[in-house]
Amino acid sequence: MSVSAVVANPAKTRWYVGAVPIVLVAWSVVFAQGTYRLLPPETIQQRLSQFGGSDRQRETRLKEWFNAAGCGEHLSEQAVKGYSGSNLICVLPGESEERIVVGAHYDHVDRGSGVADNWSSASLLPSLYEGLKQSPRKHTFVFIAFACEELGLAGSKYYVDHLGAAERSKISAMINMDTLGLGPTEIWYSHADKHLAGAIAIVSQKMKLPVTGMNVDGVGESDGESFAKYKIRNITIHSVTTETLHILHSKDDNMNAIKLGDYMDSYYLIAAYLAAVDPYIGSPADVGTATKADVSGKK
């Protein structure tokens, strides 16, 4: 997460989501059909532990994992002009050209090891790809490990700015992950598309996993903002709170900062969410009128 020099405190918000019956039915079908799979916890945690080295070494590691997972011919690098890093892009073709972008930046600042911010998210990308690749998909998924987020969102801006208007119009949603494992799963609700936020809340209910709205307005920026510039619906999933904000961009951002139970819960929730949001986006439940249901947050 690109943190401002002067920051405000993150704010917990009471939030509501659409909970129409058709959405619940759609989720039930997704889970019943088993349209995604989870990798062993040992794999997820081992990948998290391999945070060491330079940003270039991190990218190389991610490239190896994507190749091992079978991305191969659909894996590419995009040099970010004017910067030393490259975006790593893995495409998982679906039935249509409509796309869901799943992104996380892999770069980190010099202070600390950058485990939470943001190897915690980037290291999940190949695992999330592998969890979806064997199942039929409505959308084409594009998994992107962004470079240079800490330099003003340079990698994600370069990616989306260099798409043609027709290509950008094919992006149905952008799901951004930034700084996981500092605590239970949060979403940046004030900047999120409300239907995407409602979807993750309902998945969390089904999975019995926690998620709350924690706004980080004034704290900094994240790669979802590069897509919001073009009015592409997006959601940022994170774990930053007032109590953990000090860890970002500090020597305390190391493995000791990660709460493995919360981190694994975030992985389980995001894996299920990607599988569920594929048939949901563009469905009547997505575009229809929703009723309000209190799902989490504090009074």
C-alpha atoms as a PDB file:
ATOM      1  CA  MET A   1       0.000   0.000   0.000  1.00  0.00           C
ATOM      2  CA  SER A   2       1.381   3.372  -0.999  1.00  0.00           C
ATOM      3  CA  VAL A   3       1.212   5.299   2.284  1.00  0.00           C
ATOM      4  CA  SER A   4       1.013   9.083   2.441  1.00  0.00           C
ATOM      5  CA  ALA A   5       3.556  11.011   4.456  1.00  0.00           C
ATOM      6  CA  VAL A   6       0.711  12.488   6.510  1.00  0.00           C
ATOM      7  CA  VAL A   7      -1.971   9.940   7.221  1.00  0.00           C
ATOM      8  CA  ALA A   8      -5.376   9.803   8.803  1.00  0.00           C
ATOM      9  CA  ASN A   9      -6.632   6.907  10.886  1.00  0.00           C
ATOM     10  CA  PRO A  10      -8.452   4.108   9.095  1.00  0.00           C
ATOM     11  CA  ALA A  11     -12.161   4.208   9.869  1.00  0.00           C
ATOM     12  CA  LYS A  12     -14.461   1.307  10.644  1.00  0.00           C
ATOM     13  CA  THR A  13     -17.776   1.724   8.887  1.00  0.00           C
ATOM     14  CA  ARG A  14     -21.136   0.086   9.389  1.00  0.00           C
ATOM     15  CA  TRP A  15     -22.067  -1.216   5.988  1.00  0.00           C
ATOM     16  CA  TYR A  16     -24.903  -2.956   4.232  1.00  0.00           C
ATOM     17  CA  VAL A  17     -25.154  -5.256   1.264  1.00  0.00           C
ATOM     18  CA  GLY A  18     -27.768  -6.514  -1.097  1.00  0.00           C
ATOM     19  CA  ALA A  19     -28.974  -9.915   0.076  1.00  0.00           C
ATOM     20  CA  VAL A  20     -31.614 -10.890  -2.437  1.00  0.00           C
ATOM     21  CA  PRO A  21     -32.481 -14.608  -2.516  1.00  0.00           C
ATOM     22  CA  ILE A  22     -31.158 -15.137  -6.051  1.00  0.00           C
ATOM     23  CA  VAL A  23     -27.662 -14.211  -4.863  1.00  0.00           C
ATOM     24  CA  LEU A  24     -27.766 -16.800  -2.107  1.00  0.00           C
ATOM     25  CA  VAL A  25     -28.956 -19.412  -4.604  1.00  0.00           C
ATOM     26  CA  ALA A  26     -26.092 -18.521  -6.956  1.00  0.00           C
ATOM     27  CA  TRP A  27     -23.544 -18.949  -4.157  1.00  0.00           C
ATOM     28  CA  SER A  28     -25.066 -22.293  -3.185  1.00  0.00           C
ATOM     29  CA  VAL A  29     -24.688 -23.537  -6.750  1.00  0.00           C
ATOM     30  CA  VAL A  30     -21.062 -22.391  -6.913  1.00  0.00           C
ATOM     31  CA  PHE A  31     -20.096 -24.182  -3.711  1.00  0.00           C
ATOM     32  CA  ALA A  32     -22.105 -27.296  -4.536  1.00  0.00           C
ATOM     33  CA  GLN A  33     -20.390 -27.647  -7.916  1.00  0.00           C
ATOM     34  CA  GLY A  34     -16.935 -27.221  -6.406  1.00  0.00           C
ATOM     35  CA  THR A  35     -15.824 -24.706  -9.027  1.00  0.00           C
ATOM     36  CA  TYR A  36     -12.536 -23.933  -7.316  1.00  0.00           C
ATOM     37  CA  ARG A  37      -9.975 -25.765  -5.266  1.00  0.00           C
ATOM     38  CA  LEU A  38      -7.727 -24.809  -2.393  1.00  0.00           C
ATOM     39  CA  LEU A  39      -4.014 -25.467  -2.247  1.00  0.00           C
ATOM     40  CA  PRO A  40      -2.610 -27.064   0.920  1.00  0.00           C
ATOM     41  CA  PRO A  41      -1.966 -24.627   3.786  1.00  0.00           C
ATOM     42  CA  GLU A  42       1.682 -25.676   3.727  1.00  0.00           C
ATOM     43  CA  THR A  43       2.025 -24.368   0.159  1.00  0.00           C
ATOM     44  CA  ILE A  44       0.376 -21.045   0.946  1.00  0.00           C
ATOM     45  CA  GLN A  45       2.500 -20.509   4.041  1.00  0.00           C
ATOM     46  CA  GLN A  46       5.721 -21.641   2.371  1.00  0.00           C
ATOM     47  CA  ARG A  47       5.205 -19.156  -0.441  1.00  0.00           C
ATOM     48  CA  LEU A  48       4.507 -16.405   2.066  1.00  0.00           C
ATOM     49  CA  SER A  49       7.790 -17.202   3.814  1.00  0.00           C
ATOM     50  CA  GLN A  50       9.789 -16.719   0.580  1.00  0.00           C
ATOM     51  CA  PHE A  51       9.641 -12.930   0.738  1.00  0.00           C
ATOM     52  CA  GLY A  52      13.388 -12.295   0.762  1.00  0.00           C
ATOM     53  CA  GLY A  53      15.488 -10.591  -1.866  1.00  0.00           C
ATOM     54  CA  SER A  54      14.968  -7.693  -4.240  1.00  0.00           C
ATOM     55  CA  ASP A  55      11.768  -6.821  -6.073  1.00  0.00           C
ATOM     56  CA  ARG A  56      13.265  -8.368  -9.215  1.00  0.00           C
ATOM     57  CA  GLN A  57      13.858 -11.618  -7.326  1.00  0.00           C
ATOM     58  CA  ARG A  58      10.276 -11.508  -6.090  1.00  0.00           C
ATOM     59  CA  GLU A  59       9.018 -11.183  -9.651  1.00  0.00           C
ATOM     60  CA  THR A  60      11.210 -14.096 -10.757  1.00  0.00           C
ATOM     61  CA  ARG A  61       9.779 -16.239  -7.967  1.00  0.00           C
ATOM     62  CA  LEU A  62       6.209 -15.406  -8.981  1.00  0.00           C
ATOM     63  CA  LYS A  63       7.034 -16.185 -12.600  1.00  0.00           C
ATOM     64  CA  GLU A  64       8.352 -19.605 -11.583  1.00  0.00           C
ATOM     65  CA  TRP A  65       5.180 -20.363  -9.609  1.00  0.00           C
ATOM     66  CA  PHE A  66       2.884 -19.254 -12.438  1.00  0.00           C
ATOM     67  CA  ASN A  67       4.819 -21.438 -14.882  1.00  0.00           C
ATOM     68  CA  ALA A  68       4.673 -24.405 -12.519  1.00  0.00           C
ATOM     69  CA  ALA A  69       0.913 -23.893 -12.198  1.00  0.00           C
ATOM     70  CA  GLY A  70       0.524 -24.089 -15.971  1.00  0.00           C
ATOM     71  CA  CYS A  71       0.171 -20.459 -17.047  1.00  0.00           C
ATOM     72  CA  GLY A  72       3.084 -20.881 -19.478  1.00  0.00           C
ATOM     73  CA  GLU A  73       1.937 -19.656 -22.888  1.00  0.00           C
ATOM     74  CA  HIS A  74      -0.413 -17.128 -21.284  1.00  0.00           C
ATOM     75  CA  LEU A  75       2.264 -15.536 -19.078  1.00  0.00           C
ATOM     76  CA  SER A  76       3.934 -12.261 -20.073  1.00  0.00           C
ATOM     77  CA  GLU A  77       5.950  -9.395 -18.666  1.00  0.00           C
ATOM     78  CA  GLN A  78       5.187  -5.747 -19.312  1.00  0.00           C
ATOM     79  CA  ALA A  79       8.077  -3.365 -18.741  1.00  0.00           C
ATOM     80  CA  VAL A  80       6.940  -0.194 -16.983  1.00  0.00           C
ATOM     81  CA  LYS A  81       8.544   2.586 -18.992  1.00  0.00           C
ATOM     82  CA  GLY A  82      10.641   4.918 -16.871  1.00  0.00           C
ATOM     83  CA  TYR A  83      10.942   2.403 -14.010  1.00  0.00           C
ATOM     84  CA  SER A  84      13.060  -0.667 -13.373  1.00  0.00           C
ATOM     85  CA  GLY A  85      10.179  -3.049 -12.651  1.00  0.00           C
ATOM     86  CA  SER A  86       7.838  -5.053 -14.871  1.00  0.00           C
ATOM     87  CA  ASN A  87       4.222  -6.104 -14.468  1.00  0.00           C
ATOM     88  CA  LEU A  88       3.805  -9.883 -14.548  1.00  0.00           C
ATOM     89  CA  ILE A  89       0.561 -10.884 -16.298  1.00  0.00           C
ATOM     90  CA  CYS A  90      -1.046 -14.344 -16.307  1.00  0.00           C
ATOM     91  CA  VAL A  91      -4.204 -14.783 -18.378  1.00  0.00           C
ATOM     92  CA  LEU A  92      -6.695 -17.566 -17.624  1.00  0.00           C
ATOM     93  CA  PRO A  93      -9.038 -17.739 -20.655  1.00  0.00           C
ATOM     94  CA  GLY A  94     -12.767 -18.077 -20.097  1.00  0.00           C
ATOM     95  CA  GLU A  95     -15.848 -18.501 -22.282  1.00  0.00           C
ATOM     96  CA  SER A  96     -15.950 -14.784 -23.087  1.00  0.00           C
ATOM     97  CA  GLU A  97     -13.527 -11.909 -23.542  1.00  0.00           C
ATOM     98  CA  GLU A  98     -15.084 -10.104 -20.592  1.00  0.00           C
ATOM     99  CA  ARG A  99     -12.379  -9.917 -17.952  1.00  0.00           C
ATOM    100  CA  ILE A 100     -11.939  -9.936 -14.216  1.00  0.00           C
ATOM    101  CA  VAL A 101      -8.565  -8.502 -13.218  1.00  0.00           C
ATOM    102  CA  VAL A 102      -7.068  -9.823  -9.966  1.00  0.00           C
ATOM    103  CA  GLY A 103      -4.123  -7.716  -8.883  1.00  0.00           C
ATOM    104  CA  ALA A 104      -1.525  -7.240  -6.157  1.00  0.00           C
ATOM    105  CA  HIS A 105       1.738  -5.336  -6.141  1.00  0.00           C
ATOM    106  CA  TYR A 106       4.947  -7.204  -5.354  1.00  0.00           C
ATOM    107  CA  ASP A 107       7.316  -4.282  -4.781  1.00  0.00           C
ATOM    108  CA  HIS A 108       8.214  -3.033  -1.309  1.00  0.00           C
ATOM    109  CA  VAL A 109       9.934  -0.129   0.394  1.00  0.00           C
ATOM    110  CA  ASP A 110      13.435  -0.390   1.849  1.00  0.00           C
ATOM    111  CA  ARG A 111      12.267  -0.217   5.466  1.00  0.00           C
ATOM    112  CA  GLY A 112      11.210  -3.623   6.730  1.00  0.00           C
ATOM    113  CA  SER A 113      10.820  -6.809   4.700  1.00  0.00           C
ATOM    114  CA  GLY A 114       7.527  -5.909   3.032  1.00  0.00           C
ATOM    115  CA  VAL A 115       5.892  -9.173   4.071  1.00  0.00           C
ATOM    116  CA  ALA A 116       2.473  -7.704   4.817  1.00  0.00           C
ATOM    117  CA  ASP A 117       2.832  -4.865   2.303  1.00  0.00           C
ATOM    118  CA  ASN A 118       2.567  -6.596  -0.033  1.00  0.00           C
ATOM    119  CA  TRP A 119       4.155 -10.024  -0.445  1.00  0.00           C
ATOM    120  CA  SER A 120       1.206 -11.344   1.562  1.00  0.00           C
ATOM    121  CA  SER A 121      -1.029 -10.624  -1.439  1.00  0.00           C
ATOM    122  CA  ALA A 122       1.342 -11.066  -4.371  1.00  0.00           C
ATOM    123  CA  SER A 123       2.401 -14.538  -3.226  1.00  0.00           C
ATOM    124  CA  LEU A 124      -1.258 -15.656  -3.411  1.00  0.00           C
ATOM    125  CA  LEU A 125      -1.694 -14.824  -7.097  1.00  0.00           C
ATOM    126  CA  PRO A 126      -0.296 -18.105  -8.556  1.00  0.00           C
ATOM    127  CA  SER A 127      -2.250 -20.115  -5.969  1.00  0.00           C
ATOM    128  CA  LEU A 128      -5.505 -18.341  -6.834  1.00  0.00           C
ATOM    129  CA  TYR A 129      -4.833 -18.950 -10.522  1.00  0.00           C
ATOM    130  CA  GLU A 130      -4.210 -22.634  -9.870  1.00  0.00           C
ATOM    131  CA  GLY A 131      -7.391 -22.899  -7.820  1.00  0.00           C
ATOM    132  CA  LEU A 132      -9.553 -21.710 -10.740  1.00  0.00           C
ATOM    133  CA  LYS A 133      -7.831 -23.152 -13.805  1.00  0.00           C
ATOM    134  CA  GLN A 134      -9.512 -26.583 -13.866  1.00  0.00           C
ATOM    135  CA  SER A 135     -13.095 -25.271 -13.761  1.00  0.00           C
ATOM    136  CA  PRO A 136     -15.303 -23.759 -16.493  1.00  0.00           C
ATOM    137  CA  ARG A 137     -15.354 -19.974 -16.319  1.00  0.00           C
ATOM    138  CA  LYS A 138     -17.652 -17.352 -17.746  1.00  0.00           C
ATOM    139  CA  HIS A 139     -15.027 -14.589 -17.585  1.00  0.00           C
ATOM    140  CA  THR A 140     -11.413 -14.483 -18.605  1.00  0.00           C
ATOM    141  CA  PHE A 141      -9.337 -13.900 -15.468  1.00  0.00           C
ATOM    142  CA  VAL A 142      -6.222 -11.739 -15.669  1.00  0.00           C
ATOM    143  CA  PHE A 143      -3.870 -12.123 -12.707  1.00  0.00           C
ATOM    144  CA  ILE A 144      -1.388  -9.252 -12.459  1.00  0.00           C
ATOM    145  CA  ALA A 145       1.561  -8.802 -10.112  1.00  0.00           C
ATOM    146  CA  PHE A 146       2.068  -5.064 -10.335  1.00  0.00           C
ATOM    147  CA  ALA A 147       5.449  -3.375 -10.155  1.00  0.00           C
ATOM    148  CA  CYS A 148       6.205   0.006  -8.613  1.00  0.00           C
ATOM    149  CA  GLU A 149       3.038   0.530  -6.590  1.00  0.00           C
ATOM    150  CA  GLU A 150       5.127   2.189  -3.916  1.00  0.00           C
ATOM    151  CA  LEU A 151       6.248   4.737  -6.542  1.00  0.00           C
ATOM    152  CA  GLY A 152       2.808   6.243  -7.074  1.00  0.00           C
ATOM    153  CA  LEU A 153       0.937   3.199  -8.442  1.00  0.00           C
ATOM    154  CA  ALA A 154       3.229   3.330 -11.480  1.00  0.00           C
ATOM    155  CA  GLY A 155       2.778  -0.303 -12.549  1.00  0.00           C
ATOM    156  CA  SER A 156      -1.016  -0.431 -12.440  1.00  0.00           C
ATOM    157  CA  LYS A 157      -1.316   3.012 -14.026  1.00  0.00           C
ATOM    158  CA  TYR A 158       0.948   1.936 -16.866  1.00  0.00           C
ATOM    159  CA  TYR A 159      -1.058  -1.242 -17.434  1.00  0.00           C
ATOM    160  CA  VAL A 160      -4.491   0.335 -17.590  1.00  0.00           C
ATOM    161  CA  ASP A 161      -3.350   3.542 -19.340  1.00  0.00           C
ATOM    162  CA  HIS A 162      -1.815   1.486 -22.147  1.00  0.00           C
ATOM    163  CA  LEU A 163      -4.958  -0.498 -22.844  1.00  0.00           C
ATOM    164  CA  GLY A 164      -7.087   0.764 -25.692  1.00  0.00           C
ATOM    165  CA  ALA A 165     -10.587   1.985 -24.893  1.00  0.00           C
ATOM    166  CA  ALA A 166     -12.058  -1.199 -26.365  1.00  0.00           C
ATOM    167  CA  GLU A 167      -9.783  -3.362 -24.192  1.00  0.00           C
ATOM    168  CA  ARG A 168     -10.611  -1.381 -21.040  1.00  0.00           C
ATOM    169  CA  SER A 169     -14.321  -1.774 -21.781  1.00  0.00           C
ATOM    170  CA  LYS A 170     -13.913  -5.558 -21.507  1.00  0.00           C
ATOM    171  CA  ILE A 171     -12.848  -5.334 -17.845  1.00  0.00           C
ATOM    172  CA  SER A 172     -15.950  -6.208 -15.830  1.00  0.00           C
ATOM    173  CA  ALA A 173     -14.251  -5.838 -12.447  1.00  0.00           C
ATOM    174  CA  MET A 174     -10.888  -5.327 -10.771  1.00  0.00           C
ATOM    175  CA  ILE A 175     -10.239  -7.142  -7.499  1.00  0.00           C
ATOM    176  CA  ASN A 176      -7.222  -5.717  -5.702  1.00  0.00           C
ATOM    177  CA  MET A 177      -5.392  -7.278  -2.755  1.00  0.00           C
ATOM    178  CA  ASP A 178      -3.100  -5.160  -0.623  1.00  0.00           C
ATOM    179  CA  THR A 179      -1.659  -5.973   2.814  1.00  0.00           C
ATOM    180  CA  LEU A 180      -3.239  -9.179   4.133  1.00  0.00           C
ATOM    181  CA  GLY A 181      -2.665 -11.072   7.353  1.00  0.00           C
ATOM    182  CA  LEU A 182      -2.337  -8.234   9.862  1.00  0.00           C
ATOM    183  CA  GLY A 183      -5.765  -9.249  11.154  1.00  0.00           C
ATOM    184  CA  PRO A 184      -9.144 -10.364   9.817  1.00  0.00           C
ATOM    185  CA  THR A 185     -10.150  -9.531   6.256  1.00  0.00           C
ATOM    186  CA  GLU A 186     -11.258  -5.973   5.545  1.00  0.00           C
ATOM    187  CA  ILE A 187     -12.455  -4.126   2.457  1.00  0.00           C
ATOM    188  CA  TRP A 188     -12.026  -0.475   1.546  1.00  0.00           C
ATOM    189  CA  TYR A 189     -15.773   0.020   1.451  1.00  0.00           C
ATOM    190  CA  SER A 190     -15.961   3.724   0.617  1.00  0.00           C
ATOM    191  CA  HIS A 191     -13.981   3.111  -2.589  1.00  0.00           C
ATOM    192  CA  ALA A 192     -15.565  -0.240  -3.479  1.00  0.00           C
ATOM    193  CA  ASP A 193     -18.252  -1.017  -6.004  1.00  0.00           C
ATOM    194  CA  LYS A 194     -21.213  -1.733  -3.761  1.00  0.00           C
ATOM    195  CA  HIS A 195     -22.282  -4.870  -5.612  1.00  0.00           C
ATOM    196  CA  LEU A 196     -18.779  -6.322  -5.393  1.00  0.00           C
ATOM    197  CA  ALA A 197     -18.752  -5.446  -1.691  1.00  0.00           C
ATOM    198  CA  GLY A 198     -22.121  -7.094  -1.209  1.00  0.00           C
ATOM    199  CA  ALA A 199     -20.893 -10.191  -3.007  1.00  0.00           C
ATOM    200  CA  ILE A 200     -17.895 -10.713  -0.725  1.00  0.00           C
ATOM    201  CA  ALA A 201     -20.082 -10.181   2.335  1.00  0.00           C
ATOM    202  CA  ILE A 202     -22.472 -12.904   1.218  1.00  0.00           C
ATOM    203  CA  VAL A 203     -19.598 -15.271   0.420  1.00  0.00           C
ATOM    204  CA  SER A 204     -18.223 -14.590   3.899  1.00  0.00           C
ATOM    205  CA  GLN A 205     -21.602 -15.504   5.394  1.00  0.00           C
ATOM    206  CA  LYS A 206     -21.694 -18.725   3.424  1.00  0.00           C
ATOM    207  CA  MET A 207     -18.113 -19.574   4.388  1.00  0.00           C
ATOM    208  CA  LYS A 208     -18.527 -18.376   7.984  1.00  0.00           C
ATOM    209  CA  LEU A 209     -15.403 -16.258   7.585  1.00  0.00           C
ATOM    210  CA  PRO A 210     -15.134 -12.655   8.818  1.00  0.00           C
ATOM    211  CA  VAL A 211     -15.048  -9.557   6.648  1.00  0.00           C
ATOM    212  CA  THR A 212     -15.728  -5.963   7.653  1.00  0.00           C
ATOM    213  CA  GLY A 213     -15.533  -2.544   6.078  1.00  0.00           C
ATOM    214  CA  MET A 214     -12.413  -0.608   7.055  1.00  0.00           C
ATOM    215  CA  ASN A 215     -11.935   2.580   5.083  1.00  0.00           C
ATOM    216  CA  VAL A 216      -8.382   3.817   4.580  1.00  0.00           C
ATOM    217  CA  ASP A 217      -9.186   7.163   2.984  1.00  0.00           C
ATOM    218  CA  GLY A 218      -6.328   9.553   3.655  1.00  0.00           C
ATOM    219  CA  VAL A 219      -3.927   6.743   4.547  1.00  0.00           C
ATOM    220  CA  GLY A 220      -2.598   6.257   1.051  1.00  0.00           C
ATOM    221  CA  GLU A 221      -3.414   4.696  -2.301  1.00  0.00           C
ATOM    222  CA  SER A 222      -3.664   1.243  -3.783  1.00  0.00           C
ATOM    223  CA  ASP A 223      -3.763  -0.164  -7.308  1.00  0.00           C
ATOM    224  CA  GLY A 224      -7.548  -0.248  -7.525  1.00  0.00           C
ATOM    225  CA  GLU A 225      -7.440   3.538  -7.883  1.00  0.00           C
ATOM    226  CA  SER A 226      -5.742   3.238 -11.271  1.00  0.00           C
ATOM    227  CA  PHE A 227      -8.806   1.388 -12.554  1.00  0.00           C
ATOM    228  CA  ALA A 228     -11.291   3.666 -10.792  1.00  0.00           C
ATOM    229  CA  LYS A 229      -9.880   6.517 -12.890  1.00  0.00           C
ATOM    230  CA  TYR A 230     -11.555   4.845 -15.880  1.00  0.00           C
ATOM    231  CA  LYS A 231     -14.747   4.071 -13.929  1.00  0.00           C
ATOM    232  CA  ILE A 232     -13.910   0.351 -13.836  1.00  0.00           C
ATOM    233  CA  ARG A 233     -15.690  -1.177 -10.874  1.00  0.00           C
ATOM    234  CA  ASN A 234     -13.243  -2.389  -8.266  1.00  0.00           C
ATOM    235  CA  ILE A 235     -12.740  -3.532  -4.688  1.00  0.00           C
ATOM    236  CA  THR A 236      -9.636  -3.525  -2.490  1.00  0.00           C
ATOM    237  CA  ILE A 237      -9.263  -6.327   0.060  1.00  0.00           C
ATOM    238  CA  HIS A 238      -6.847  -5.624   2.926  1.00  0.00           C
ATOM    239  CA  SER A 239      -6.313  -6.018   6.688  1.00  0.00           C
ATOM    240  CA  VAL A 240      -5.177  -2.570   7.832  1.00  0.00           C
ATOM    241  CA  THR A 241      -6.658  -1.076  11.013  1.00  0.00           C
ATOM    242  CA  THR A 242      -5.794   1.783  13.328  1.00  0.00           C
ATOM    243  CA  GLU A 243      -3.875  -0.693  15.486  1.00  0.00           C
ATOM    244  CA  THR A 244      -1.796  -2.099  12.613  1.00  0.00           C
ATOM    245  CA  LEU A 245      -1.249   0.978  10.434  1.00  0.00           C
ATOM    246  CA  HIS A 246       2.139   1.670  12.035  1.00  0.00           C
ATOM    247  CA  ILE A 247       3.499  -1.614  10.655  1.00  0.00           C
ATOM    248  CA  LEU A 248       3.356  -0.422   7.052  1.00  0.00           C
ATOM    249  CA  HIS A 249       6.641   0.948   5.690  1.00  0.00           C
ATOM    250  CA  SER A 250       8.455   0.167   8.928  1.00  0.00           C
ATOM    251  CA  LYS A 251      10.967  -2.360  10.239  1.00  0.00           C
ATOM    252  CA  ASP A 252       8.018  -4.124  11.883  1.00  0.00           C
ATOM    253  CA  ASP A 253       6.711  -5.301   8.511  1.00  0.00           C
ATOM    254  CA  ASN A 254       8.141  -8.811   8.777  1.00  0.00           C
ATOM    255  CA  MET A 255       6.878 -12.357   9.301  1.00  0.00           C
ATOM    256  CA  ASN A 256       6.183 -11.640  12.962  1.00  0.00           C
ATOM    257  CA  ALA A 257       3.499  -9.167  11.894  1.00  0.00           C
ATOM    258  CA  ILE A 258       1.477 -11.849  10.115  1.00  0.00           C
ATOM    259  CA  LYS A 259      -1.312 -13.638  11.960  1.00  0.00           C
ATOM    260  CA  LEU A 260      -1.355 -16.912  10.076  1.00  0.00           C
ATOM    261  CA  GLY A 261      -4.896 -17.857  11.086  1.00  0.00           C
ATOM    262  CA  ASP A 262      -6.271 -14.586   9.745  1.00  0.00           C
ATOM    263  CA  TYR A 263      -4.070 -14.849   6.668  1.00  0.00           C
ATOM    264  CA  MET A 264      -5.356 -18.314   5.804  1.00  0.00           C
ATOM    265  CA  ASP A 265      -8.938 -17.140   6.363  1.00  0.00           C
ATOM    266  CA  SER A 266      -8.309 -14.333   3.868  1.00  0.00           C
ATOM    267  CA  TYR A 267      -6.971 -16.832   1.342  1.00  0.00           C
ATOM    268  CA  TYR A 268      -9.988 -19.118   1.794  1.00  0.00           C
ATOM    269  CA  LEU A 269     -12.397 -16.200   1.447  1.00  0.00           C
ATOM    270  CA  ILE A 270     -10.728 -14.694  -1.625  1.00  0.00           C
ATOM    271  CA  ALA A 271     -10.499 -18.072  -3.393  1.00  0.00           C
ATOM    272  CA  ALA A 272     -14.222 -18.648  -2.858  1.00  0.00           C
ATOM    273  CA  TYR A 273     -15.034 -15.067  -3.797  1.00  0.00           C
ATOM    274  CA  LEU A 274     -13.290 -15.318  -7.170  1.00  0.00           C
ATOM    275  CA  ALA A 275     -15.197 -18.490  -8.004  1.00  0.00           C
ATOM    276  CA  ALA A 276     -18.501 -16.991  -6.914  1.00  0.00           C
ATOM    277  CA  VAL A 277     -18.089 -13.575  -8.503  1.00  0.00           C
ATOM    278  CA  ASP A 278     -17.491 -15.100 -11.961  1.00  0.00           C
ATOM    279  CA  PRO A 279     -21.128 -16.189 -12.531  1.00  0.00           C
ATOM    280  CA  TYR A 280     -22.428 -13.290 -10.423  1.00  0.00           C
ATOM    281  CA  ILE A 281     -21.061 -10.370 -12.457  1.00  0.00           C
ATOM    282  CA  GLY A 282     -23.602  -9.425 -15.103  1.00  0.00           C
ATOM    283  CA  SER A 283     -26.305 -11.674 -13.632  1.00  0.00           C
ATOM    284  CA  PRO A 284     -29.774 -10.348 -12.648  1.00  0.00           C
ATOM    285  CA  ALA A 285     -28.623 -10.351  -9.023  1.00  0.00           C
ATOM    286  CA  ASP A 286     -25.704  -8.086  -9.924  1.00  0.00           C
ATOM    287  CA  VAL A 287     -27.768  -5.506 -11.766  1.00  0.00           C
ATOM    288  CA  GLY A 288     -31.073  -5.890  -9.939  1.00  0.00           C
ATOM    289  CA  THR A 289     -32.521  -4.116  -6.927  1.00  0.00           C
ATOM    290  CA  ALA A 290     -31.164  -5.405  -3.615  1.00  0.00           C
ATOM    291  CA  THR A 291     -32.575  -5.289  -0.134  1.00  0.00           C
ATOM    292  CA  LYS A 292     -30.463  -4.133   2.785  1.00  0.00           C
ATOM    293  CA  ALA A 293     -29.023  -6.641   5.208  1.00  0.00           C
ATOM    294  CA  ASP A 294     -26.618  -5.837   8.016  1.00  0.00           C
ATOM    295  CA  VAL A 295     -23.721  -8.248   7.647  1.00  0.00           C
ATOM    296  CA  SER A 296     -20.891  -6.909   9.751  1.00  0.00           C
ATOM    297  CA  GLY A 297     -19.237  -3.878  11.242  1.00  0.00           C
ATOM    298  CA  LYS A 298     -19.810  -2.206  14.556  1.00  0.00           C
ATOM    299  CA  LYS A 299     -22.647   0.018  15.669  1.00  0.00           C
END
